[in-house]
Amino acid sequence: MSTGVISKLKVGRTTNALLALALVGLLFGCASRPTNVLLPVADTSPSSSKVEMLVATTRSRSINPAEMYTGERGLAPSFAEITVSIPPASVRKVGEVAWPKKLPSNPATDFAVVRAEEITPETAKGWLSASVRKSPDRSVLVFIHGFNNRFEDSLYRFAQIAKDTGTDSVPILVTWPSRGSALAYGYDRESTNYTRNALELLFQYLARDPDIKEVSILAHSMGNWLALEGLRQMAIRNGGLPAKFKNVMLAAPDVDVDVFRTQIADMGKQHPQFTLFVSQDDRALKISRRVWGNIPRLGSIDPEQAPYKEELASNNITVIDLTKVKSGDRLHHGKFASSPQIVQLIGARIAGGQALTDNRIGLGDTIVQATTGAAAAAGSAAGLVISAPVAAIDQNTRENYGNQVENLTGSPSSQANNANKGCTLRATSNDCK
């Protein structure tokens, strides 16, 4: 191999490392929290709410029952029935996950697992059938998390979504092998590809089950790639998508806009109602764009600019532009979680049958004032998915990034310096502090 080729390879590795470090720079200094929080505890708080969900995963089973599933890939899909206890509103704000400050978790103040059992596929089918028959509208909600999520992150976030939206839909968590590290981007992306066949099988089962009348899908960040690929495969195999697949909500999708065009085309004209949440100040997607050859990511487009405006309209895709919405998330990648009033208002309006457009809702810096005291979203699947507060990159899942930075830089002492240097790659370098 020539010296020039070797030099280019080294430059490529260095660039990827620095891009990863730019993301780490945004997360550097975040507070830690207890891990191994999923060991079931006694249900000692009568005032706490309970969310029962079905978990479908391609993660590997952990030998540690307090972890349940790792970030590695399992040989086959597995299922679990889990009940999460959520503390009362007096100790938790809407949109927040109350992580325990110490173990064991206290159901009166913390999110806590009170039941967790791995089950067979046949038992999972029976659980789902029984749960759907109890649902007023016979609907299910499938949630697919994004990049950099450990199992407990996705589990507790989805429990929070189900609780805060007041949905009657049966919750199904699809969790794929993510290592919960800002520097495992490539592994996580390949894990979505590893999972798409399993997701399609789940979609096919939901389509065939006569008890299920409506399916809604909520995906975030990299999870949108998995959701779209699963739907695309199903449409190609079946010659279209079933009518019961009503709503697909794409929150901050880390998806190439050119690839999205082909995915939508492959689904055919009778595709679900797509609602796309975008924000042009999404820093995580800016870094992702550089990793993927400077092609815009779907979640950060300007929907008023050509050709996006015309293409989105022709495909009947509703767009909610959250660029002007203030966020406590430093990456601006999870605005739902930091602005729960906004999503409650959107959910309430959709549930009331109003058209969903950002200009009618009036999104902007003053919307929080307008939404004070807004009613919670109604329990329909359509209202639910719009109103769900989604966390993007949980700040508490990052304690393992140090070893990976060391692998990239070759020096433990250079971790902090390199993380800060990575900030110079971003257009908004003044946020590196």
Protein backbone atom coordinates (compact mmCIF):
# COMPACT_ATOMS: atom_id res chain seq x y z
CA MET A 1 0.00 0.00 0.00
CA SER A 2 1.40 3.40 -0.96
CA THR A 3 2.41 6.04 1.58
CA GLY A 4 -0.24 8.39 0.16
CA VAL A 5 -3.02 5.86 0.71
CA ILE A 6 -1.81 5.18 4.24
CA SER A 7 -1.76 8.90 4.96
CA LYS A 8 -5.32 9.28 3.69
CA LEU A 9 -6.46 6.39 5.90
CA LYS A 10 -4.85 8.02 8.90
CA VAL A 11 -6.51 11.33 8.09
CA GLY A 12 -9.88 9.58 7.77
CA ARG A 13 -9.47 7.88 11.13
CA THR A 14 -8.41 11.14 12.74
CA THR A 15 -11.37 13.00 11.26
CA ASN A 16 -13.83 10.37 12.51
CA ALA A 17 -12.20 10.42 15.92
CA LEU A 18 -12.44 14.20 16.15
CA LEU A 19 -16.07 14.16 15.04
CA ALA A 20 -16.81 11.69 17.78
CA LEU A 21 -14.89 13.80 20.25
CA ALA A 22 -16.92 16.83 19.21
CA LEU A 23 -20.00 15.00 20.41
CA VAL A 24 -18.24 13.96 23.59
CA GLY A 25 -17.28 17.59 24.15
CA LEU A 26 -20.96 18.44 24.37
CA LEU A 27 -21.52 15.69 26.90
CA PHE A 28 -18.32 16.20 28.90
CA GLY A 29 -18.90 16.80 32.57
CA CYS A 30 -22.44 15.40 32.69
CA ALA A 31 -23.55 14.00 36.02
CA SER A 32 -23.53 10.28 36.61
CA ARG A 33 -26.31 8.14 38.06
CA PRO A 34 -26.62 4.60 39.42
CA THR A 35 -26.49 1.74 36.95
CA ASN A 36 -27.97 -1.72 37.40
CA VAL A 37 -31.28 -0.16 38.39
CA LEU A 38 -33.62 -2.83 37.02
CA LEU A 39 -33.69 -5.37 39.81
CA PRO A 40 -37.37 -5.64 40.74
CA VAL A 41 -38.38 -4.06 44.04
CA ALA A 42 -41.49 -4.42 46.16
CA ASP A 43 -44.48 -2.35 45.05
CA THR A 44 -44.59 -0.23 48.20
CA SER A 45 -46.17 2.98 46.88
CA PRO A 46 -49.95 2.83 46.32
CA SER A 47 -49.92 6.36 44.84
CA SER A 48 -47.45 5.45 42.09
CA SER A 49 -48.66 4.63 38.58
CA LYS A 50 -47.84 1.37 36.84
CA VAL A 51 -46.96 0.96 33.16
CA GLU A 52 -47.03 -2.60 31.85
CA MET A 53 -45.26 -3.11 28.55
CA LEU A 54 -44.08 -5.78 26.18
CA VAL A 55 -40.39 -5.63 25.29
CA ALA A 56 -39.06 -7.03 22.01
CA THR A 57 -35.30 -6.88 21.67
CA THR A 58 -32.29 -8.09 19.71
CA ARG A 59 -29.99 -7.29 22.62
CA SER A 60 -28.06 -10.03 24.37
CA ARG A 61 -29.40 -11.17 27.74
CA SER A 62 -27.25 -10.06 30.65
CA ILE A 63 -26.15 -12.45 33.37
CA ASN A 64 -26.83 -9.55 35.75
CA PRO A 65 -30.59 -9.39 36.53
CA ALA A 66 -30.24 -5.72 37.50
CA GLU A 67 -29.08 -4.94 33.94
CA MET A 68 -31.33 -7.44 32.13
CA TYR A 69 -29.99 -6.74 28.63
CA THR A 70 -26.58 -5.57 27.44
CA GLY A 71 -25.59 -3.44 24.47
CA GLU A 72 -24.32 -6.48 22.55
CA ARG A 73 -26.24 -8.38 19.89
CA GLY A 74 -28.29 -11.42 20.75
CA LEU A 75 -28.41 -14.45 18.47
CA ALA A 76 -32.20 -14.25 18.19
CA PRO A 77 -34.96 -11.84 19.22
CA SER A 78 -36.21 -12.19 22.78
CA PHE A 79 -39.18 -10.87 24.72
CA ALA A 80 -39.94 -9.67 28.21
CA GLU A 81 -42.94 -8.49 30.21
CA ILE A 82 -41.98 -5.55 32.41
CA THR A 83 -43.93 -3.32 34.79
CA VAL A 84 -42.45 0.07 35.64
CA SER A 85 -43.64 2.02 38.66
CA ILE A 86 -43.73 5.81 38.19
CA PRO A 87 -43.87 8.15 41.21
CA PRO A 88 -46.77 10.59 41.62
CA ALA A 89 -46.87 14.04 40.03
CA SER A 90 -45.98 15.67 43.34
CA VAL A 91 -42.39 14.47 43.00
CA ARG A 92 -41.91 14.44 39.20
CA LYS A 93 -42.47 16.89 36.35
CA VAL A 94 -44.10 15.87 33.08
CA GLY A 95 -41.41 14.77 30.65
CA GLU A 96 -38.93 13.75 33.32
CA VAL A 97 -37.59 10.35 34.23
CA ALA A 98 -37.01 10.20 37.98
CA TRP A 99 -33.79 8.21 38.13
CA PRO A 100 -32.93 6.85 41.57
CA LYS A 101 -30.18 8.67 43.41
CA LYS A 102 -29.34 5.48 45.27
CA LEU A 103 -30.27 1.82 45.16
CA PRO A 104 -32.58 0.10 45.63
CA SER A 105 -35.08 2.30 43.84
CA ASN A 106 -37.89 3.76 45.93
CA PRO A 107 -41.24 3.60 44.07
CA ALA A 108 -42.47 6.62 46.03
CA THR A 109 -39.80 8.88 44.53
CA ASP A 110 -38.12 6.98 41.67
CA PHE A 111 -38.86 5.07 38.53
CA ALA A 112 -38.64 1.45 39.57
CA VAL A 113 -39.15 -1.99 38.05
CA VAL A 114 -41.67 -3.98 40.08
CA ARG A 115 -41.96 -6.90 37.68
CA ALA A 116 -39.59 -8.21 35.01
CA GLU A 117 -39.86 -11.58 33.35
CA GLU A 118 -38.33 -12.88 30.16
CA ILE A 119 -41.00 -14.73 28.20
CA THR A 120 -41.26 -16.98 25.16
CA PRO A 121 -42.61 -15.71 21.82
CA GLU A 122 -45.84 -17.67 22.40
CA THR A 123 -46.30 -16.12 25.84
CA ALA A 124 -45.61 -12.70 24.33
CA LYS A 125 -48.39 -13.26 21.80
CA GLY A 126 -50.78 -14.23 24.57
CA TRP A 127 -49.82 -11.18 26.66
CA LEU A 128 -50.34 -8.88 23.69
CA SER A 129 -53.68 -10.39 22.75
CA ALA A 130 -55.02 -10.07 26.29
CA SER A 131 -53.76 -6.49 26.64
CA VAL A 132 -55.19 -5.34 23.30
CA ARG A 133 -58.64 -6.66 24.19
CA LYS A 134 -58.56 -4.40 27.26
CA SER A 135 -57.66 -1.33 25.19
CA PRO A 136 -60.70 0.88 24.35
CA ASP A 137 -59.58 1.41 20.75
CA ARG A 138 -57.66 -1.88 20.33
CA SER A 139 -54.48 0.04 19.49
CA VAL A 140 -50.76 -0.45 20.10
CA LEU A 141 -47.87 1.97 20.19
CA VAL A 142 -44.43 0.80 19.09
CA PHE A 143 -41.55 2.89 20.40
CA ILE A 144 -38.07 2.65 18.84
CA HIS A 145 -35.32 4.51 20.67
CA GLY A 146 -32.32 6.26 19.18
CA PHE A 147 -28.53 6.23 19.29
CA ASN A 148 -26.64 5.93 22.55
CA ASN A 149 -29.29 4.26 24.70
CA ARG A 150 -28.77 1.52 27.22
CA PHE A 151 -31.64 -0.82 27.91
CA GLU A 152 -32.74 1.00 31.06
CA ASP A 153 -32.71 4.34 29.17
CA SER A 154 -35.16 3.10 26.56
CA LEU A 155 -37.31 1.27 29.12
CA TYR A 156 -37.75 4.19 31.51
CA ARG A 157 -38.17 6.75 28.74
CA PHE A 158 -40.94 4.77 27.11
CA ALA A 159 -42.64 4.24 30.46
CA GLN A 160 -42.55 8.01 30.94
CA ILE A 161 -44.04 8.58 27.49
CA ALA A 162 -46.86 6.12 28.10
CA LYS A 163 -47.66 7.68 31.47
CA ASP A 164 -47.43 11.37 30.53
CA THR A 165 -49.58 11.06 27.41
CA GLY A 166 -52.30 9.11 29.20
CA THR A 167 -52.53 6.67 26.34
CA ASP A 168 -54.79 3.64 26.28
CA SER A 169 -52.64 2.07 23.57
CA VAL A 170 -50.73 -1.08 24.48
CA PRO A 171 -47.04 -0.12 24.75
CA ILE A 172 -44.47 -2.19 22.86
CA LEU A 173 -40.82 -1.27 23.30
CA VAL A 174 -38.48 -2.27 20.50
CA THR A 175 -34.94 -1.97 21.80
CA TRP A 176 -31.94 -2.72 19.65
CA PRO A 177 -28.27 -3.29 20.62
CA SER A 178 -26.89 0.12 21.50
CA ARG A 179 -23.80 0.34 23.69
CA GLY A 180 -24.90 3.58 25.32
CA SER A 181 -21.75 5.40 24.31
CA ALA A 182 -21.25 8.60 22.31
CA LEU A 183 -18.31 6.94 20.56
CA ALA A 184 -20.14 3.78 19.47
CA TYR A 185 -21.94 5.48 16.58
CA GLY A 186 -20.81 3.00 13.93
CA TYR A 187 -21.67 -0.02 16.08
CA ASP A 188 -25.09 1.40 16.89
CA ARG A 189 -25.87 2.11 13.24
CA GLU A 190 -24.95 -1.42 12.22
CA SER A 191 -27.09 -2.70 15.09
CA THR A 192 -30.14 -1.07 13.53
CA ASN A 193 -29.42 -2.99 10.33
CA TYR A 194 -28.98 -6.13 12.42
CA THR A 195 -32.47 -5.57 13.89
CA ARG A 196 -34.54 -4.62 10.85
CA ASN A 197 -35.58 -8.19 9.93
CA ALA A 198 -36.76 -8.80 13.49
CA LEU A 199 -38.69 -5.51 13.43
CA GLU A 200 -40.37 -6.44 10.16
CA LEU A 201 -41.45 -9.77 11.66
CA LEU A 202 -43.03 -7.87 14.54
CA PHE A 203 -44.79 -5.52 12.12
CA GLN A 204 -46.06 -8.49 10.12
CA TYR A 205 -47.48 -10.08 13.25
CA LEU A 206 -49.21 -6.84 14.29
CA ALA A 207 -50.68 -6.58 10.79
CA ARG A 208 -52.09 -10.11 10.92
CA ASP A 209 -53.52 -9.97 14.45
CA PRO A 210 -57.27 -9.36 13.99
CA ASP A 211 -57.63 -8.00 17.54
CA ILE A 212 -55.33 -5.05 16.78
CA LYS A 213 -57.21 -2.26 15.02
CA GLU A 214 -54.55 0.47 14.92
CA VAL A 215 -50.74 0.58 15.02
CA SER A 216 -48.78 3.77 15.70
CA ILE A 217 -45.01 4.06 15.63
CA LEU A 218 -42.84 6.58 17.43
CA ALA A 219 -39.14 6.63 16.54
CA HIS A 220 -36.34 8.91 17.60
CA SER A 221 -32.98 9.82 16.08
CA MET A 222 -31.22 6.72 14.69
CA GLY A 223 -34.28 4.66 15.56
CA ASN A 224 -36.01 6.31 12.60
CA TRP A 225 -33.67 4.50 10.23
CA LEU A 226 -34.74 1.20 11.75
CA ALA A 227 -38.43 2.11 11.68
CA LEU A 228 -38.34 3.23 8.05
CA GLU A 229 -36.36 0.18 6.92
CA GLY A 230 -38.78 -2.16 8.69
CA LEU A 231 -41.76 -0.49 7.02
CA ARG A 232 -40.02 -0.45 3.66
CA GLN A 233 -39.21 -4.17 3.80
CA MET A 234 -42.76 -4.97 4.80
CA ALA A 235 -44.22 -2.88 1.98
CA ILE A 236 -41.99 -4.53 -0.61
CA ARG A 237 -42.77 -8.02 0.65
CA ASN A 238 -46.54 -7.45 0.92
CA GLY A 239 -47.07 -5.10 -2.00
CA GLY A 240 -47.98 -2.25 0.37
CA LEU A 241 -48.61 -1.41 4.00
CA PRO A 242 -51.77 -2.35 5.91
CA ALA A 243 -54.35 0.34 6.59
CA LYS A 244 -54.14 -0.25 10.34
CA PHE A 245 -50.64 1.28 10.36
CA LYS A 246 -52.05 4.77 10.89
CA ASN A 247 -49.35 7.09 12.21
CA VAL A 248 -45.57 7.16 12.06
CA MET A 249 -43.89 9.91 14.04
CA LEU A 250 -40.29 10.74 13.07
CA ALA A 251 -38.60 12.72 15.84
CA ALA A 252 -35.21 14.26 14.93
CA PRO A 253 -34.53 11.49 12.41
CA ASP A 254 -30.87 10.73 11.76
CA VAL A 255 -31.62 9.67 8.19
CA ASP A 256 -30.07 10.71 4.90
CA VAL A 257 -32.63 12.84 3.02
CA ASP A 258 -31.82 11.15 -0.29
CA VAL A 259 -32.32 7.70 1.22
CA PHE A 260 -35.58 8.83 2.81
CA ARG A 261 -36.93 9.68 -0.65
CA THR A 262 -36.35 6.10 -1.80
CA GLN A 263 -37.77 4.60 1.38
CA ILE A 264 -41.01 6.54 1.02
CA ALA A 265 -41.23 5.66 -2.67
CA ASP A 266 -40.76 1.95 -1.91
CA MET A 267 -43.66 2.03 0.55
CA GLY A 268 -46.09 3.00 -2.20
CA LYS A 269 -48.81 5.61 -2.29
CA GLN A 270 -50.85 4.13 0.58
CA HIS A 271 -48.33 4.75 3.32
CA PRO A 272 -49.13 5.81 6.90
CA GLN A 273 -49.54 9.43 7.93
CA PHE A 274 -46.01 10.65 8.60
CA THR A 275 -45.30 13.54 10.93
CA LEU A 276 -41.75 14.84 10.90
CA PHE A 277 -40.23 16.87 13.72
CA VAL A 278 -37.22 18.94 12.61
CA SER A 279 -34.89 21.53 14.10
CA GLN A 280 -32.17 23.32 12.17
CA ASP A 281 -30.11 23.87 15.33
CA ASP A 282 -29.79 20.16 16.09
CA ARG A 283 -26.07 19.80 16.83
CA ALA A 284 -26.04 16.02 17.00
CA LEU A 285 -27.38 15.89 13.44
CA LYS A 286 -24.81 18.45 12.30
CA ILE A 287 -22.06 16.11 13.42
CA SER A 288 -23.85 13.15 11.86
CA ARG A 289 -24.04 15.05 8.57
CA ARG A 290 -20.26 15.39 8.51
CA VAL A 291 -19.82 11.70 9.24
CA TRP A 292 -22.11 10.77 6.34
CA GLY A 293 -20.50 12.81 3.57
CA ASN A 294 -22.16 16.18 4.19
CA ILE A 295 -25.58 15.00 3.06
CA PRO A 296 -28.37 16.71 5.06
CA ARG A 297 -30.05 14.67 7.77
CA LEU A 298 -33.81 14.53 7.61
CA GLY A 299 -34.27 15.86 11.14
CA SER A 300 -32.43 19.14 10.47
CA ILE A 301 -33.80 20.27 7.11
CA ASP A 302 -35.53 23.60 6.54
CA PRO A 303 -38.99 22.44 5.45
CA GLU A 304 -39.72 25.79 3.78
CA GLN A 305 -36.83 25.47 1.35
CA ALA A 306 -36.81 23.74 -2.02
CA PRO A 307 -36.91 20.91 -2.79
CA TYR A 308 -38.10 19.77 0.63
CA LYS A 309 -41.28 21.85 0.78
CA GLU A 310 -42.64 20.48 -2.50
CA GLU A 311 -41.54 16.89 -1.83
CA LEU A 312 -43.00 16.77 1.65
CA ALA A 313 -46.28 18.20 0.42
CA SER A 314 -46.50 15.74 -2.46
CA ASN A 315 -46.05 12.84 -0.03
CA ASN A 316 -48.55 14.31 2.45
CA ILE A 317 -45.92 14.49 5.19
CA THR A 318 -46.71 16.91 7.99
CA VAL A 319 -43.72 18.83 9.35
CA ILE A 320 -43.38 20.48 12.75
CA ASP A 321 -40.42 22.87 12.83
CA LEU A 322 -39.07 23.23 16.37
CA THR A 323 -36.07 25.40 15.49
CA LYS A 324 -37.34 28.40 17.47
CA VAL A 325 -38.28 26.35 20.48
CA LYS A 326 -35.84 26.82 23.34
CA SER A 327 -34.32 23.68 24.77
CA GLY A 328 -32.43 22.70 27.87
CA ASP A 329 -30.75 19.99 25.82
CA ARG A 330 -27.26 21.19 24.86
CA LEU A 331 -27.42 19.22 21.62
CA HIS A 332 -30.89 20.56 20.74
CA HIS A 333 -31.61 16.98 19.75
CA GLY A 334 -34.33 16.24 22.31
CA LYS A 335 -36.61 19.26 22.47
CA PHE A 336 -39.65 17.18 23.33
CA ALA A 337 -38.18 16.26 26.69
CA SER A 338 -37.38 19.85 27.68
CA SER A 339 -40.65 21.37 26.39
CA PRO A 340 -43.46 19.09 27.59
CA GLN A 341 -46.08 21.85 27.34
CA ILE A 342 -45.54 22.04 23.59
CA VAL A 343 -46.12 18.37 22.96
CA GLN A 344 -49.15 18.32 25.21
CA LEU A 345 -50.70 21.12 23.20
CA ILE A 346 -49.95 19.37 19.91
CA GLY A 347 -51.39 16.14 21.21
CA ALA A 348 -54.54 17.81 22.48
CA ARG A 349 -55.16 19.53 19.15
CA ILE A 350 -54.59 16.39 17.11
CA ALA A 351 -56.87 14.42 19.40
CA GLY A 352 -59.50 17.11 18.80
CA GLY A 353 -59.32 16.56 15.05
CA GLN A 354 -57.54 19.80 14.13
CA ALA A 355 -55.04 19.95 11.32
CA LEU A 356 -51.47 19.75 12.51
CA THR A 357 -49.35 22.56 11.09
CA ASP A 358 -46.74 24.55 12.91
CA ASN A 359 -48.13 27.91 11.79
CA ARG A 360 -51.59 27.16 13.23
CA ILE A 361 -50.11 25.99 16.50
CA GLY A 362 -47.80 28.98 16.63
CA LEU A 363 -44.59 27.32 17.71
CA GLY A 364 -42.01 29.81 18.93
CA ASP A 365 -40.34 31.30 21.95
CA THR A 366 -43.64 32.35 23.53
CA ILE A 367 -45.51 29.09 23.17
CA VAL A 368 -44.82 28.00 26.74
CA GLN A 369 -46.94 30.90 27.97
CA ALA A 370 -49.74 29.93 25.63
CA THR A 371 -49.67 26.31 26.74
CA THR A 372 -49.66 26.83 30.49
CA GLY A 373 -52.33 24.59 31.89
CA ALA A 374 -52.96 22.83 28.58
CA ALA A 375 -54.89 19.63 28.91
CA ALA A 376 -52.99 16.38 28.57
CA ALA A 377 -53.26 14.61 25.24
CA ALA A 378 -56.26 12.38 24.75
CA GLY A 379 -55.65 8.67 24.74
CA SER A 380 -56.05 8.03 21.02
CA ALA A 381 -53.06 6.66 19.19
CA ALA A 382 -52.93 9.67 16.91
CA GLY A 383 -52.87 12.12 19.79
CA LEU A 384 -50.48 9.97 21.77
CA VAL A 385 -47.65 9.80 19.32
CA ILE A 386 -47.62 13.50 18.61
CA SER A 387 -47.59 14.35 22.29
CA ALA A 388 -44.84 12.02 23.44
CA PRO A 389 -41.83 13.74 25.01
CA VAL A 390 -38.75 12.00 23.66
CA ALA A 391 -35.29 12.07 25.19
CA ALA A 392 -32.50 12.07 22.67
CA ILE A 393 -29.20 11.38 24.33
CA ASP A 394 -29.55 10.72 28.02
CA GLN A 395 -26.82 12.62 29.78
CA ASN A 396 -26.45 9.95 32.42
CA THR A 397 -25.34 7.10 30.16
CA ARG A 398 -21.90 8.34 29.31
CA GLU A 399 -19.53 7.16 32.02
CA ASN A 400 -17.94 4.58 29.73
CA TYR A 401 -16.81 7.06 27.08
CA GLY A 402 -13.41 7.58 28.69
CA ASN A 403 -11.98 4.23 27.68
CA GLN A 404 -13.11 4.71 24.09
CA VAL A 405 -11.60 8.18 23.93
CA GLU A 406 -8.38 6.67 25.21
CA ASN A 407 -8.47 4.11 22.41
CA LEU A 408 -8.83 6.88 19.84
CA THR A 409 -6.27 9.25 21.27
CA GLY A 410 -3.84 6.80 22.82
CA SER A 411 -3.52 8.85 26.00
CA PRO A 412 -5.82 8.93 29.04
CA SER A 413 -4.52 12.35 30.00
CA SER A 414 -5.56 13.81 26.68
CA GLN A 415 -9.25 12.94 26.99
CA ALA A 416 -10.51 16.25 28.28
CA ASN A 417 -8.27 18.31 26.04
CA ASN A 418 -9.24 16.38 22.94
CA ALA A 419 -12.92 16.59 23.84
CA ASN A 420 -12.65 20.36 24.04
CA LYS A 421 -10.61 20.53 20.84
CA GLY A 422 -13.37 18.60 19.11
CA CYS A 423 -15.69 21.51 19.79
CA THR A 424 -13.80 23.56 17.20
CA LEU A 425 -15.33 21.37 14.54
CA ARG A 426 -18.78 22.70 15.31
CA ALA A 427 -20.21 25.86 13.89
CA THR A 428 -21.32 26.85 17.39
CA SER A 429 -17.99 26.45 19.11
CA ASN A 430 -18.89 29.05 21.76
CA ASP A 431 -20.91 26.33 23.48
CA CYS A 432 -17.74 24.47 24.48
CA LYS A 433 -17.14 25.51 28.04
